[in-house]
Protein backbone atom coordinates (compact mmCIF):
# COMPACT_ATOMS: atom_id res chain seq x y z
CA UNK A 1 -15.64 -43.55 -31.13
CA UNK A 2 -13.50 -45.15 -33.84
CA UNK A 3 -13.80 -48.93 -34.19
CA UNK A 4 -12.44 -51.78 -36.30
CA UNK A 5 -15.36 -51.18 -38.67
CA UNK A 6 -13.58 -48.07 -39.96
CA UNK A 7 -11.20 -48.56 -42.88
CA UNK A 8 -7.44 -48.53 -42.35
CA UNK A 9 -7.27 -45.32 -44.39
CA UNK A 10 -9.79 -43.58 -42.12
CA UNK A 11 -8.02 -44.75 -38.98
CA UNK A 12 -4.63 -43.79 -40.40
CA UNK A 13 -5.77 -40.28 -41.33
CA UNK A 14 -7.34 -39.76 -37.90
CA UNK A 15 -4.14 -40.90 -36.21
CA UNK A 16 -1.87 -38.79 -38.43
CA UNK A 17 -3.87 -35.59 -37.82
CA UNK A 18 -4.24 -36.25 -34.08
CA UNK A 19 -0.52 -36.81 -33.60
CA UNK A 20 0.20 -33.70 -35.68
CA UNK A 21 -1.99 -31.64 -33.33
CA UNK A 22 0.13 -32.81 -30.38
CA UNK A 23 3.12 -31.37 -32.22
CA UNK A 24 1.62 -27.99 -31.32
CA UNK A 25 1.38 -28.83 -27.60
CA UNK A 26 4.05 -26.21 -26.92
CA UNK A 27 2.04 -23.38 -28.48
CA UNK A 28 -0.81 -23.00 -25.92
CA UNK A 29 1.66 -23.52 -23.05
CA UNK A 30 3.77 -20.61 -24.26
CA UNK A 31 0.62 -18.53 -24.94
CA UNK A 32 -0.67 -19.12 -21.40
CA UNK A 33 2.72 -18.19 -19.99
CA UNK A 34 2.68 -14.98 -22.06
CA UNK A 35 -0.74 -14.19 -20.57
CA UNK A 36 0.94 -13.83 -17.17
CA UNK A 37 1.00 -17.30 -15.59
CA UNK A 38 4.40 -18.66 -14.64
CA UNK A 39 5.62 -21.56 -16.76
CA UNK A 40 5.02 -24.13 -14.02
CA UNK A 41 1.47 -22.98 -13.27
CA UNK A 42 0.65 -22.77 -16.98
CA UNK A 43 1.17 -26.55 -17.11
CA UNK A 44 -1.19 -27.05 -14.16
CA UNK A 45 -3.86 -24.77 -15.55
CA UNK A 46 -3.74 -26.26 -19.03
CA UNK A 47 -4.05 -29.88 -17.86
CA UNK A 48 -6.80 -29.08 -15.35
CA UNK A 49 -9.17 -27.73 -18.01
CA UNK A 50 -10.15 -31.14 -19.52
CA UNK A 51 -11.38 -32.20 -16.07
CA UNK A 52 -14.35 -29.89 -16.61
CA UNK A 53 -15.76 -32.54 -18.96
CA UNK A 54 -13.94 -35.66 -17.76
CA UNK A 55 -14.86 -35.61 -14.06
CA UNK A 56 -18.66 -35.65 -14.59
CA UNK A 57 -18.24 -38.47 -17.09
CA UNK A 58 -16.07 -40.43 -14.65
CA UNK A 59 -18.64 -40.05 -11.85
CA UNK A 60 -21.37 -41.41 -14.11
CA UNK A 61 -19.33 -44.29 -15.55
CA UNK A 62 -17.01 -45.32 -12.71
CA UNK A 63 -18.31 -48.91 -12.90
CA UNK A 64 -16.29 -49.40 -16.09
CA UNK A 65 -13.16 -49.44 -13.94
CA UNK A 66 -14.24 -52.36 -11.76
CA UNK A 67 -11.44 -54.93 -11.80
CA UNK A 68 -8.91 -52.70 -13.60
CA UNK A 69 -8.73 -49.66 -11.33
CA UNK A 70 -5.20 -50.56 -10.15
CA UNK A 71 -3.59 -50.84 -13.60
CA UNK A 72 -5.50 -47.76 -14.78
CA UNK A 73 -4.20 -45.73 -11.86
CA UNK A 74 -0.63 -46.98 -12.39
CA UNK A 75 -0.72 -46.10 -16.10
CA UNK A 76 -2.28 -42.72 -15.34
CA UNK A 77 0.40 -41.81 -12.78
CA UNK A 78 3.22 -42.79 -15.13
CA UNK A 79 1.73 -40.95 -18.11
CA UNK A 80 0.78 -38.01 -15.89
CA UNK A 81 4.40 -37.78 -14.78
CA UNK A 82 5.45 -37.93 -18.44
CA UNK A 83 3.01 -35.14 -19.36
CA UNK A 84 4.25 -32.98 -16.48
CA UNK A 85 7.93 -33.45 -17.31
CA UNK A 86 7.42 -32.96 -21.05
CA UNK A 87 5.29 -29.84 -20.62
CA UNK A 88 7.79 -28.29 -18.20
CA UNK A 89 10.56 -29.25 -20.61
CA UNK A 90 8.80 -27.38 -23.41
CA UNK A 91 8.62 -24.32 -21.17
CA UNK A 92 12.23 -24.52 -19.93
CA UNK A 93 14.25 -25.55 -22.99
CA UNK A 94 13.96 -25.22 -26.76
CA UNK A 95 10.96 -26.82 -28.43
CA UNK A 96 13.03 -28.95 -30.78
CA UNK A 97 15.34 -30.27 -28.04
CA UNK A 98 12.42 -31.04 -25.74
CA UNK A 99 10.59 -32.88 -28.52
CA UNK A 100 13.61 -34.92 -29.63
CA UNK A 101 14.65 -35.88 -26.10
CA UNK A 102 11.12 -37.11 -25.47
CA UNK A 103 11.25 -38.86 -28.83
CA UNK A 104 13.75 -41.35 -27.38
CA UNK A 105 10.59 -43.07 -26.10
CA UNK A 106 10.89 -46.00 -28.58
CA UNK A 107 14.22 -46.93 -27.00
CA UNK A 108 12.74 -47.10 -23.51
CA UNK A 109 9.65 -48.90 -24.85
CA UNK A 110 11.87 -51.51 -26.46
CA UNK A 111 13.92 -52.09 -23.31
CA UNK A 112 10.82 -52.28 -21.09
CA UNK A 113 9.09 -54.56 -23.60
CA UNK A 114 12.04 -56.96 -23.60
CA UNK A 115 12.35 -57.01 -19.80
CA UNK A 116 8.69 -56.82 -18.73
CA UNK A 117 6.61 -58.04 -21.68
CA UNK A 118 9.01 -60.74 -22.97
CA UNK A 119 9.27 -59.15 -26.42
CA UNK A 120 12.19 -60.32 -28.60
CA UNK A 121 15.36 -58.22 -28.75
CA UNK A 122 15.93 -58.33 -32.51
CA UNK A 123 18.98 -57.13 -34.41
CA UNK A 124 16.98 -54.19 -35.74
CA UNK A 125 16.09 -53.14 -32.21
CA UNK A 126 19.72 -53.29 -31.10
CA UNK A 127 20.68 -51.09 -34.08
CA UNK A 128 17.84 -48.68 -33.30
CA UNK A 129 18.99 -48.34 -29.68
CA UNK A 130 22.57 -47.70 -30.77
CA UNK A 131 21.53 -45.06 -33.33
CA UNK A 132 19.24 -43.39 -30.77
CA UNK A 133 22.01 -43.08 -28.18
CA UNK A 134 24.36 -41.72 -30.84
CA UNK A 135 21.66 -39.16 -31.63
CA UNK A 136 21.34 -38.32 -27.95
CA UNK A 137 25.08 -37.73 -27.69
CA UNK A 138 25.08 -35.46 -30.75
CA UNK A 139 21.93 -33.59 -29.69
CA UNK A 140 23.50 -32.71 -26.35
CA UNK A 141 26.92 -31.90 -27.84
CA UNK A 142 28.23 -28.35 -27.58
CA UNK A 143 25.15 -27.34 -25.63
CA UNK A 144 27.15 -24.69 -23.79
CA UNK A 145 28.21 -23.14 -27.11
CA UNK A 146 24.69 -22.66 -28.47
CA UNK A 147 22.37 -19.73 -27.81
CA UNK A 148 20.34 -22.02 -25.52
CA UNK A 149 22.69 -24.03 -23.27
CA UNK A 150 21.54 -27.25 -21.64
CA UNK A 151 19.31 -26.78 -18.62
CA UNK A 152 16.84 -28.58 -16.34
CA UNK A 153 14.25 -28.61 -19.13
CA UNK A 154 16.43 -31.00 -21.13
CA UNK A 155 16.50 -33.41 -18.18
CA UNK A 156 12.72 -33.14 -17.82
CA UNK A 157 12.23 -33.96 -21.49
CA UNK A 158 14.64 -36.91 -21.32
CA UNK A 159 12.86 -38.38 -18.28
CA UNK A 160 9.40 -37.80 -19.78
CA UNK A 161 10.00 -40.44 -22.45
CA UNK A 162 10.97 -43.02 -19.82
CA UNK A 163 7.82 -42.43 -17.78
CA UNK A 164 5.67 -42.51 -20.91
CA UNK A 165 7.19 -45.84 -21.94
CA UNK A 166 6.41 -47.32 -18.50
CA UNK A 167 2.83 -46.05 -18.73
CA UNK A 168 2.22 -47.47 -22.18
CA UNK A 169 3.86 -50.78 -21.22
CA UNK A 170 1.23 -50.95 -18.48
CA UNK A 171 -1.46 -50.40 -21.12
CA UNK A 172 0.10 -53.16 -23.21
CA UNK A 173 -0.21 -55.54 -20.31
CA UNK A 174 -3.81 -54.52 -19.51
CA UNK A 175 -5.09 -53.68 -22.98
CA UNK A 176 -8.76 -53.74 -21.91
CA UNK A 177 -8.51 -50.39 -20.09
CA UNK A 178 -11.20 -48.12 -21.62
CA UNK A 179 -9.99 -44.87 -23.15
CA UNK A 180 -12.17 -42.21 -21.47
CA UNK A 181 -11.66 -43.38 -17.86
CA UNK A 182 -7.96 -43.60 -18.66
CA UNK A 183 -7.98 -40.03 -19.98
CA UNK A 184 -9.77 -38.81 -16.85
CA UNK A 185 -7.22 -40.38 -14.53
CA UNK A 186 -4.32 -39.15 -16.65
CA UNK A 187 -5.44 -35.52 -16.52
CA UNK A 188 -6.16 -35.79 -12.78
CA UNK A 189 -2.69 -37.24 -12.28
CA UNK A 190 -1.05 -34.61 -14.47
CA UNK A 191 -2.82 -31.77 -12.68
CA UNK A 192 -1.80 -33.03 -9.23
CA UNK A 193 1.81 -33.80 -10.17
CA UNK A 194 2.32 -30.53 -12.05
CA UNK A 195 0.82 -28.62 -9.09
CA UNK A 196 3.42 -30.26 -6.86
CA UNK A 197 6.11 -29.19 -9.31
CA UNK A 198 4.83 -25.61 -9.31
CA UNK A 199 4.21 -25.25 -5.58
CA UNK A 200 6.96 -27.42 -4.07
CA UNK A 201 9.79 -27.69 -6.60
CA UNK A 202 9.55 -24.20 -8.13
CA UNK A 203 7.84 -22.55 -5.13
CA UNK A 204 5.98 -20.27 -7.55
CA UNK A 205 3.13 -18.23 -6.04
CA UNK A 206 -0.41 -19.09 -7.06
CA UNK A 207 -1.56 -17.02 -10.05
CA UNK A 208 -4.31 -14.56 -9.29
CA UNK A 209 -7.84 -14.89 -10.69
CA UNK A 210 -7.34 -12.16 -13.31
CA UNK A 211 -4.41 -14.04 -14.86
CA UNK A 212 -6.36 -17.31 -14.94
CA UNK A 213 -9.38 -15.58 -16.43
CA UNK A 214 -7.21 -14.13 -19.21
CA UNK A 215 -5.59 -17.49 -19.94
CA UNK A 216 -8.75 -19.62 -19.74
CA UNK A 217 -10.04 -19.22 -23.36
CA UNK A 218 -6.70 -20.35 -24.81
CA UNK A 219 -6.25 -23.19 -22.31
CA UNK A 220 -9.82 -24.46 -22.61
CA UNK A 221 -9.92 -24.34 -26.42
CA UNK A 222 -6.65 -26.19 -26.91
CA UNK A 223 -6.93 -28.69 -24.08
CA UNK A 224 -10.65 -29.59 -24.29
CA UNK A 225 -11.52 -29.19 -27.96
CA UNK A 226 -8.19 -30.00 -29.67
CA UNK A 227 -5.79 -32.10 -27.61
CA UNK A 228 -8.21 -34.17 -25.50
CA UNK A 229 -10.05 -35.64 -28.54
CA UNK A 230 -6.70 -36.18 -30.26
CA UNK A 231 -5.38 -37.99 -27.18
CA UNK A 232 -8.37 -40.37 -27.21
CA UNK A 233 -8.04 -40.99 -30.96
CA UNK A 234 -4.33 -41.80 -30.68
CA UNK A 235 -4.84 -44.43 -28.00
CA UNK A 236 -7.96 -45.89 -29.63
CA UNK A 237 -6.39 -46.22 -33.08
CA UNK A 238 -3.26 -47.70 -31.47
CA UNK A 239 -5.49 -50.57 -30.36
CA UNK A 240 -6.71 -51.18 -33.92
CA UNK A 241 -3.78 -50.69 -36.32
CA UNK A 242 -0.54 -52.61 -36.74
CA UNK A 243 2.12 -51.06 -34.46
CA UNK A 244 4.53 -50.34 -37.30
CA UNK A 245 1.96 -48.23 -39.12
CA UNK A 246 1.07 -46.46 -35.87
CA UNK A 247 4.71 -45.63 -35.27
CA UNK A 248 5.19 -44.14 -38.73
CA UNK A 249 1.98 -42.09 -38.65
CA UNK A 250 2.63 -40.60 -35.22
CA UNK A 251 5.91 -39.17 -36.49
CA UNK A 252 3.72 -36.31 -37.69
CA UNK A 253 4.05 -34.97 -34.13
CA UNK A 254 7.77 -34.35 -34.33
CA UNK A 255 7.52 -32.98 -37.88
CA UNK A 256 4.89 -30.43 -36.84
CA UNK A 257 6.81 -29.52 -33.67
CA UNK A 258 10.02 -28.84 -35.58
CA UNK A 259 8.38 -26.92 -38.45
CA UNK A 260 6.11 -24.84 -36.20
CA UNK A 261 9.01 -23.98 -33.89
CA UNK A 262 11.19 -22.98 -36.84
CA UNK A 263 8.44 -20.66 -38.14
CA UNK A 264 7.08 -19.22 -34.90
CA UNK A 265 10.18 -19.28 -32.67
CA UNK A 266 13.08 -18.85 -35.12
CA UNK A 267 15.38 -17.54 -32.38
CA UNK A 268 15.57 -21.04 -30.83
CA UNK A 269 18.47 -22.12 -33.03
CA UNK A 270 20.55 -25.31 -32.73
CA UNK A 271 24.04 -26.17 -33.94
CA UNK A 272 24.46 -28.43 -36.97
CA UNK A 273 25.76 -31.27 -34.79
CA UNK A 274 22.59 -31.06 -32.70
CA UNK A 275 20.43 -31.25 -35.84
CA UNK A 276 22.43 -34.35 -36.82
CA UNK A 277 21.56 -35.83 -33.44
CA UNK A 278 17.87 -35.04 -33.93
CA UNK A 279 17.98 -36.75 -37.35
CA UNK A 280 19.60 -39.82 -35.79
CA UNK A 281 16.85 -40.06 -33.17
CA UNK A 282 14.19 -39.91 -35.89
CA UNK A 283 16.09 -42.58 -37.85
CA UNK A 284 16.18 -44.79 -34.75
CA UNK A 285 12.41 -44.43 -34.43
CA UNK A 286 11.99 -45.42 -38.08
CA UNK A 287 14.19 -48.49 -37.65
CA UNK A 288 12.20 -49.54 -34.59
CA UNK A 289 8.75 -49.19 -36.12
CA UNK A 290 9.69 -50.63 -39.54
CA UNK A 291 11.86 -53.57 -38.51
CA UNK A 292 11.70 -53.96 -34.73
CA UNK A 293 8.25 -55.57 -34.39
CA UNK A 294 6.95 -58.95 -35.30
CA UNK A 295 3.65 -58.77 -37.15
CA UNK A 296 2.24 -61.31 -34.71
CA UNK A 297 2.47 -58.80 -31.88
CA UNK A 298 -0.39 -56.40 -31.40
CA UNK A 299 0.35 -54.28 -28.35
CA UNK A 300 -1.12 -50.85 -27.72
CA UNK A 301 2.04 -49.19 -28.96
CA UNK A 302 3.06 -46.10 -30.83
CA UNK A 303 5.81 -43.55 -31.06
CA UNK A 304 3.97 -42.16 -28.05
CA UNK A 305 5.05 -45.18 -26.11
């Protein structure tokens, strides 16, 4: 696992590449859905796969959670809810809109930090919040006139950033939570919550074994070998690098999401005013990570939270 003995350049590169991989989170979800699973069950199936390796590890190392099980569970439920909402948003709405609505996370992190963690509300942060809400207004403008009108997926994506910010604020407050037990609880939480979405909210029938068998190679490869390690790297490096640098580097996620969607799903077009809104949200994130933090603060914080 990465440690403070690694150089800043090594840590920065690892973080940049890991965040970029999460920009492709939409791709395996769409591929699993194309294999025959409904969108809601594709989220369940994808997030259950990492438990193949995480549950045995958790059984063997459960003692590491003694004294911090409560905060770990709280953070896992909040982040699990964020994962579920974001993944369903990616399935229901356009990739770019889902990504940008989630990307309002720095706004919610700032507000929660000021209220719960006693962080200062600086002028830069006030400007960032104003620019972000302007971007939100523009992004959702003329949604009925575009090829992809606003739908429930946009609401999911919007709410996902709020839940993620609450989860990461919990990690800020209890920064000694170890990464792997946290990951185990997060994927357990995401699997359970997304199953409730699929079975109760959507009332989708359980996929049959043949569909799951066809989707398993894609789900297992992406979730276990790509996104799980990247998830651990992002949180670990966030504990080691200055928050402003973390925030800048993790912007690779939104860049990869937008570029990959433009190349692979060109039919998901947006109006120019919506692109202006997306640009404003990115600008708000830049203002927050460049000018919103005091260098004396060292929370576990990133564009992911």
